[in-house]
Amino acid sequence: MILEVAILDVKPGMEAEFEQNFAKAQAIISSMSGYVSHQLQRCIETPNRYILLVNWQTLADHELGFRQSAEYQEWKALLHHFYDPFPTVEHYQPVYDESF
């Protein structure tokens, strides 16, 4: 399993609208092949900062299956205009996890 991590800095004052749009967008990502689960969490110290954690079966499921899909264009239209700066997305693989 691969963990996608994105730090999302939302333009100040747009947090409520972002959360509403994310509620719609999460149906898109959760329908994709290779999708496992996701979390969106809001930062306590910086209220316009969020972290998006998405578990994928493989890196290709995210990079090719999702990012090169028509569904990604819908995701992009719903969410990308909220970000400043545009987020960096990184992928992680397990080293140790006591739940295994």
N, C-alpha and C. Protein backbone atom coordinates (compact mmCIF):
# COMPACT_ATOMS: atom_id res chain seq x y z
N MET A 1 0.85 -1.18 0.00
CA MET A 1 0.00 0.00 0.00
C MET A 1 0.89 1.24 0.00
N ILE A 2 0.42 2.27 -0.67
CA ILE A 2 1.12 3.54 -0.80
C ILE A 2 0.27 4.63 -0.14
N LEU A 3 0.93 5.52 0.61
CA LEU A 3 0.24 6.64 1.23
C LEU A 3 0.59 7.92 0.47
N GLU A 4 -0.41 8.56 -0.07
CA GLU A 4 -0.26 9.88 -0.70
C GLU A 4 -0.46 10.92 0.39
N VAL A 5 0.45 11.89 0.47
CA VAL A 5 0.37 12.95 1.48
C VAL A 5 0.42 14.29 0.76
N ALA A 6 -0.59 15.12 1.00
CA ALA A 6 -0.63 16.46 0.40
C ALA A 6 -0.95 17.48 1.49
N ILE A 7 -0.11 18.49 1.61
CA ILE A 7 -0.38 19.62 2.51
C ILE A 7 -1.10 20.66 1.66
N LEU A 8 -2.31 21.00 2.07
CA LEU A 8 -3.17 21.89 1.30
C LEU A 8 -3.33 23.23 2.02
N ASP A 9 -2.71 24.26 1.50
CA ASP A 9 -2.89 25.60 2.04
C ASP A 9 -4.01 26.27 1.24
N VAL A 10 -5.15 26.45 1.91
CA VAL A 10 -6.33 27.04 1.30
C VAL A 10 -6.28 28.56 1.49
N LYS A 11 -6.68 29.28 0.47
CA LYS A 11 -6.69 30.74 0.57
C LYS A 11 -7.53 31.15 1.78
N PRO A 12 -6.98 32.02 2.64
CA PRO A 12 -7.71 32.43 3.84
C PRO A 12 -9.11 32.95 3.51
N GLY A 13 -10.06 32.54 4.34
CA GLY A 13 -11.45 32.94 4.16
C GLY A 13 -12.25 32.01 3.27
N MET A 14 -11.57 31.03 2.66
CA MET A 14 -12.25 30.11 1.75
C MET A 14 -12.39 28.71 2.33
N GLU A 15 -12.10 28.57 3.62
CA GLU A 15 -12.10 27.25 4.24
C GLU A 15 -13.46 26.55 4.17
N ALA A 16 -14.52 27.27 4.48
CA ALA A 16 -15.86 26.65 4.48
C ALA A 16 -16.25 26.18 3.08
N GLU A 17 -15.98 27.00 2.09
CA GLU A 17 -16.31 26.62 0.71
C GLU A 17 -15.45 25.43 0.26
N PHE A 18 -14.17 25.45 0.65
CA PHE A 18 -13.29 24.32 0.33
C PHE A 18 -13.84 23.03 0.93
N GLU A 19 -14.23 23.07 2.19
CA GLU A 19 -14.75 21.87 2.85
C GLU A 19 -16.02 21.37 2.18
N GLN A 20 -16.88 22.28 1.75
CA GLN A 20 -18.10 21.89 1.03
C GLN A 20 -17.76 21.22 -0.30
N ASN A 21 -16.81 21.79 -1.01
CA ASN A 21 -16.41 21.20 -2.29
C ASN A 21 -15.70 19.86 -2.08
N PHE A 22 -14.91 19.77 -1.01
CA PHE A 22 -14.23 18.50 -0.75
C PHE A 22 -15.26 17.41 -0.45
N ALA A 23 -16.32 17.76 0.23
CA ALA A 23 -17.38 16.77 0.52
C ALA A 23 -17.91 16.18 -0.78
N LYS A 24 -18.00 16.98 -1.83
CA LYS A 24 -18.43 16.48 -3.14
C LYS A 24 -17.31 15.69 -3.82
N ALA A 25 -16.10 16.22 -3.74
CA ALA A 25 -14.96 15.63 -4.45
C ALA A 25 -14.56 14.27 -3.90
N GLN A 26 -14.79 14.03 -2.62
CA GLN A 26 -14.34 12.76 -2.05
C GLN A 26 -15.07 11.57 -2.67
N ALA A 27 -16.26 11.77 -3.19
CA ALA A 27 -16.97 10.69 -3.89
C ALA A 27 -16.24 10.31 -5.17
N ILE A 28 -15.57 11.27 -5.78
CA ILE A 28 -14.81 11.01 -7.00
C ILE A 28 -13.62 10.11 -6.69
N ILE A 29 -12.80 10.52 -5.74
CA ILE A 29 -11.58 9.77 -5.46
C ILE A 29 -11.89 8.38 -4.91
N SER A 30 -12.91 8.28 -4.10
CA SER A 30 -13.21 6.98 -3.48
C SER A 30 -13.78 5.98 -4.48
N SER A 31 -14.16 6.45 -5.67
CA SER A 31 -14.68 5.55 -6.69
C SER A 31 -13.60 4.99 -7.61
N MET A 32 -12.36 5.45 -7.44
CA MET A 32 -11.29 5.10 -8.36
C MET A 32 -10.71 3.71 -8.06
N SER A 33 -10.28 3.05 -9.11
CA SER A 33 -9.62 1.75 -8.98
C SER A 33 -8.34 1.91 -8.17
N GLY A 34 -8.12 1.03 -7.22
CA GLY A 34 -6.92 1.08 -6.40
C GLY A 34 -7.03 1.94 -5.16
N TYR A 35 -8.11 2.71 -5.06
CA TYR A 35 -8.35 3.53 -3.86
C TYR A 35 -8.61 2.63 -2.67
N VAL A 36 -8.03 2.97 -1.51
CA VAL A 36 -8.25 2.21 -0.28
C VAL A 36 -9.01 3.04 0.75
N SER A 37 -8.50 4.23 1.07
CA SER A 37 -9.14 5.09 2.07
C SER A 37 -8.52 6.48 2.01
N HIS A 38 -9.18 7.43 2.70
CA HIS A 38 -8.61 8.78 2.78
C HIS A 38 -9.04 9.47 4.06
N GLN A 39 -8.28 10.51 4.40
CA GLN A 39 -8.60 11.39 5.53
C GLN A 39 -8.27 12.82 5.11
N LEU A 40 -9.09 13.75 5.51
CA LEU A 40 -8.77 15.17 5.39
C LEU A 40 -8.80 15.72 6.81
N GLN A 41 -7.69 16.32 7.23
CA GLN A 41 -7.61 16.88 8.57
C GLN A 41 -7.21 18.35 8.49
N ARG A 42 -7.78 19.15 9.40
CA ARG A 42 -7.51 20.58 9.44
C ARG A 42 -6.51 20.88 10.54
N CYS A 43 -5.56 21.75 10.24
CA CYS A 43 -4.52 22.12 11.20
C CYS A 43 -5.10 23.01 12.30
N ILE A 44 -4.74 22.75 13.51
CA ILE A 44 -5.20 23.55 14.65
C ILE A 44 -4.47 24.90 14.68
N GLU A 45 -3.15 24.87 14.49
CA GLU A 45 -2.36 26.10 14.59
C GLU A 45 -2.52 27.02 13.37
N THR A 46 -2.76 26.44 12.21
CA THR A 46 -2.90 27.20 10.97
C THR A 46 -4.23 26.77 10.34
N PRO A 47 -5.33 27.43 10.70
CA PRO A 47 -6.67 26.95 10.33
C PRO A 47 -6.97 26.87 8.84
N ASN A 48 -6.17 27.51 7.99
CA ASN A 48 -6.41 27.38 6.56
C ASN A 48 -5.53 26.29 5.93
N ARG A 49 -4.84 25.50 6.76
CA ARG A 49 -3.99 24.41 6.27
C ARG A 49 -4.66 23.07 6.58
N TYR A 50 -4.64 22.20 5.59
CA TYR A 50 -5.21 20.86 5.70
C TYR A 50 -4.15 19.85 5.28
N ILE A 51 -4.33 18.63 5.73
CA ILE A 51 -3.52 17.53 5.24
C ILE A 51 -4.47 16.49 4.67
N LEU A 52 -4.16 16.06 3.46
CA LEU A 52 -4.93 15.02 2.80
C LEU A 52 -4.07 13.76 2.76
N LEU A 53 -4.60 12.69 3.31
CA LEU A 53 -3.92 11.40 3.32
C LEU A 53 -4.78 10.42 2.54
N VAL A 54 -4.22 9.84 1.49
CA VAL A 54 -4.96 8.88 0.67
C VAL A 54 -4.14 7.61 0.57
N ASN A 55 -4.75 6.49 0.90
CA ASN A 55 -4.11 5.19 0.74
C ASN A 55 -4.53 4.60 -0.60
N TRP A 56 -3.53 4.21 -1.38
CA TRP A 56 -3.71 3.58 -2.68
C TRP A 56 -3.07 2.19 -2.65
N GLN A 57 -3.59 1.29 -3.44
CA GLN A 57 -2.97 -0.03 -3.52
C GLN A 57 -1.58 0.06 -4.13
N THR A 58 -1.41 0.87 -5.18
CA THR A 58 -0.10 1.05 -5.83
C THR A 58 0.09 2.51 -6.20
N LEU A 59 1.33 2.88 -6.45
CA LEU A 59 1.63 4.24 -6.91
C LEU A 59 0.96 4.51 -8.25
N ALA A 60 0.95 3.52 -9.12
CA ALA A 60 0.33 3.67 -10.44
C ALA A 60 -1.17 3.95 -10.33
N ASP A 61 -1.83 3.40 -9.31
CA ASP A 61 -3.25 3.68 -9.13
C ASP A 61 -3.50 5.18 -8.96
N HIS A 62 -2.58 5.87 -8.29
CA HIS A 62 -2.72 7.30 -8.10
C HIS A 62 -2.20 8.07 -9.32
N GLU A 63 -0.96 7.83 -9.67
CA GLU A 63 -0.29 8.61 -10.70
C GLU A 63 -0.88 8.40 -12.09
N LEU A 64 -1.23 7.19 -12.43
CA LEU A 64 -1.76 6.90 -13.76
C LEU A 64 -3.28 6.76 -13.75
N GLY A 65 -3.77 5.91 -12.85
CA GLY A 65 -5.21 5.64 -12.82
C GLY A 65 -6.06 6.84 -12.48
N PHE A 66 -5.66 7.59 -11.46
CA PHE A 66 -6.45 8.75 -11.04
C PHE A 66 -6.05 10.01 -11.79
N ARG A 67 -4.77 10.36 -11.74
CA ARG A 67 -4.33 11.65 -12.30
C ARG A 67 -4.49 11.76 -13.81
N GLN A 68 -4.61 10.65 -14.50
CA GLN A 68 -4.78 10.71 -15.95
C GLN A 68 -6.21 10.38 -16.37
N SER A 69 -7.13 10.46 -15.42
CA SER A 69 -8.52 10.11 -15.70
C SER A 69 -9.40 11.34 -15.93
N ALA A 70 -10.55 11.12 -16.51
CA ALA A 70 -11.55 12.18 -16.66
C ALA A 70 -12.04 12.63 -15.29
N GLU A 71 -12.12 11.69 -14.35
CA GLU A 71 -12.56 12.02 -12.99
C GLU A 71 -11.62 13.02 -12.32
N TYR A 72 -10.33 12.94 -12.63
CA TYR A 72 -9.37 13.89 -12.06
C TYR A 72 -9.69 15.31 -12.52
N GLN A 73 -10.18 15.46 -13.73
CA GLN A 73 -10.53 16.80 -14.22
C GLN A 73 -11.68 17.38 -13.39
N GLU A 74 -12.62 16.54 -12.98
CA GLU A 74 -13.71 16.99 -12.10
C GLU A 74 -13.16 17.40 -10.74
N TRP A 75 -12.27 16.55 -10.18
CA TRP A 75 -11.61 16.82 -8.90
C TRP A 75 -10.89 18.16 -8.96
N LYS A 76 -10.14 18.35 -10.01
CA LYS A 76 -9.37 19.57 -10.22
C LYS A 76 -10.28 20.80 -10.27
N ALA A 77 -11.38 20.70 -11.01
CA ALA A 77 -12.33 21.82 -11.12
C ALA A 77 -12.96 22.18 -9.78
N LEU A 78 -13.20 21.18 -8.95
CA LEU A 78 -13.81 21.42 -7.64
C LEU A 78 -12.83 22.02 -6.63
N LEU A 79 -11.54 21.66 -6.71
CA LEU A 79 -10.63 21.96 -5.61
C LEU A 79 -9.42 22.82 -5.91
N HIS A 80 -8.86 22.75 -7.09
CA HIS A 80 -7.54 23.36 -7.32
C HIS A 80 -7.52 24.87 -7.19
N HIS A 81 -8.63 25.55 -7.39
CA HIS A 81 -8.63 27.02 -7.29
C HIS A 81 -8.55 27.52 -5.84
N PHE A 82 -8.64 26.62 -4.87
CA PHE A 82 -8.55 27.03 -3.46
C PHE A 82 -7.11 27.15 -2.96
N TYR A 83 -6.15 26.56 -3.64
CA TYR A 83 -4.80 26.41 -3.10
C TYR A 83 -3.88 27.57 -3.43
N ASP A 84 -3.12 28.01 -2.42
CA ASP A 84 -2.07 29.00 -2.60
C ASP A 84 -1.05 28.83 -1.48
N PRO A 85 0.11 28.29 -1.80
CA PRO A 85 0.60 27.83 -3.09
C PRO A 85 -0.01 26.47 -3.45
N PHE A 86 0.24 26.04 -4.69
CA PHE A 86 -0.24 24.73 -5.10
C PHE A 86 0.50 23.67 -4.29
N PRO A 87 -0.22 22.66 -3.81
CA PRO A 87 0.40 21.69 -2.90
C PRO A 87 1.43 20.78 -3.56
N THR A 88 2.39 20.40 -2.75
CA THR A 88 3.33 19.34 -3.12
C THR A 88 2.72 18.04 -2.65
N VAL A 89 2.75 17.04 -3.49
CA VAL A 89 2.21 15.73 -3.15
C VAL A 89 3.36 14.75 -3.13
N GLU A 90 3.45 13.99 -2.05
CA GLU A 90 4.50 12.98 -1.92
C GLU A 90 3.86 11.63 -1.60
N HIS A 91 4.61 10.58 -1.87
CA HIS A 91 4.12 9.22 -1.65
C HIS A 91 5.06 8.50 -0.69
N TYR A 92 4.47 7.72 0.19
CA TYR A 92 5.22 7.00 1.22
C TYR A 92 4.84 5.53 1.19
N GLN A 93 5.83 4.71 1.55
CA GLN A 93 5.58 3.28 1.67
C GLN A 93 5.90 2.86 3.09
N PRO A 94 5.23 1.84 3.59
CA PRO A 94 5.41 1.43 4.99
C PRO A 94 6.84 0.93 5.28
N VAL A 95 7.32 1.31 6.43
CA VAL A 95 8.55 0.77 6.98
C VAL A 95 8.19 -0.10 8.18
N TYR A 96 7.34 0.46 9.02
CA TYR A 96 6.86 -0.28 10.19
C TYR A 96 5.44 0.17 10.47
N ASP A 97 4.57 -0.78 10.75
CA ASP A 97 3.18 -0.48 11.11
C ASP A 97 2.71 -1.60 12.01
N GLU A 98 2.41 -1.27 13.24
CA GLU A 98 2.03 -2.31 14.20
C GLU A 98 0.70 -2.94 13.87
N SER A 99 -0.05 -2.37 12.93
CA SER A 99 -1.35 -2.98 12.60
C SER A 99 -1.21 -4.12 11.60
N PHE A 100 -0.03 -4.32 11.05
CA PHE A 100 0.17 -5.43 10.09
C PHE A 100 0.08 -6.76 10.78
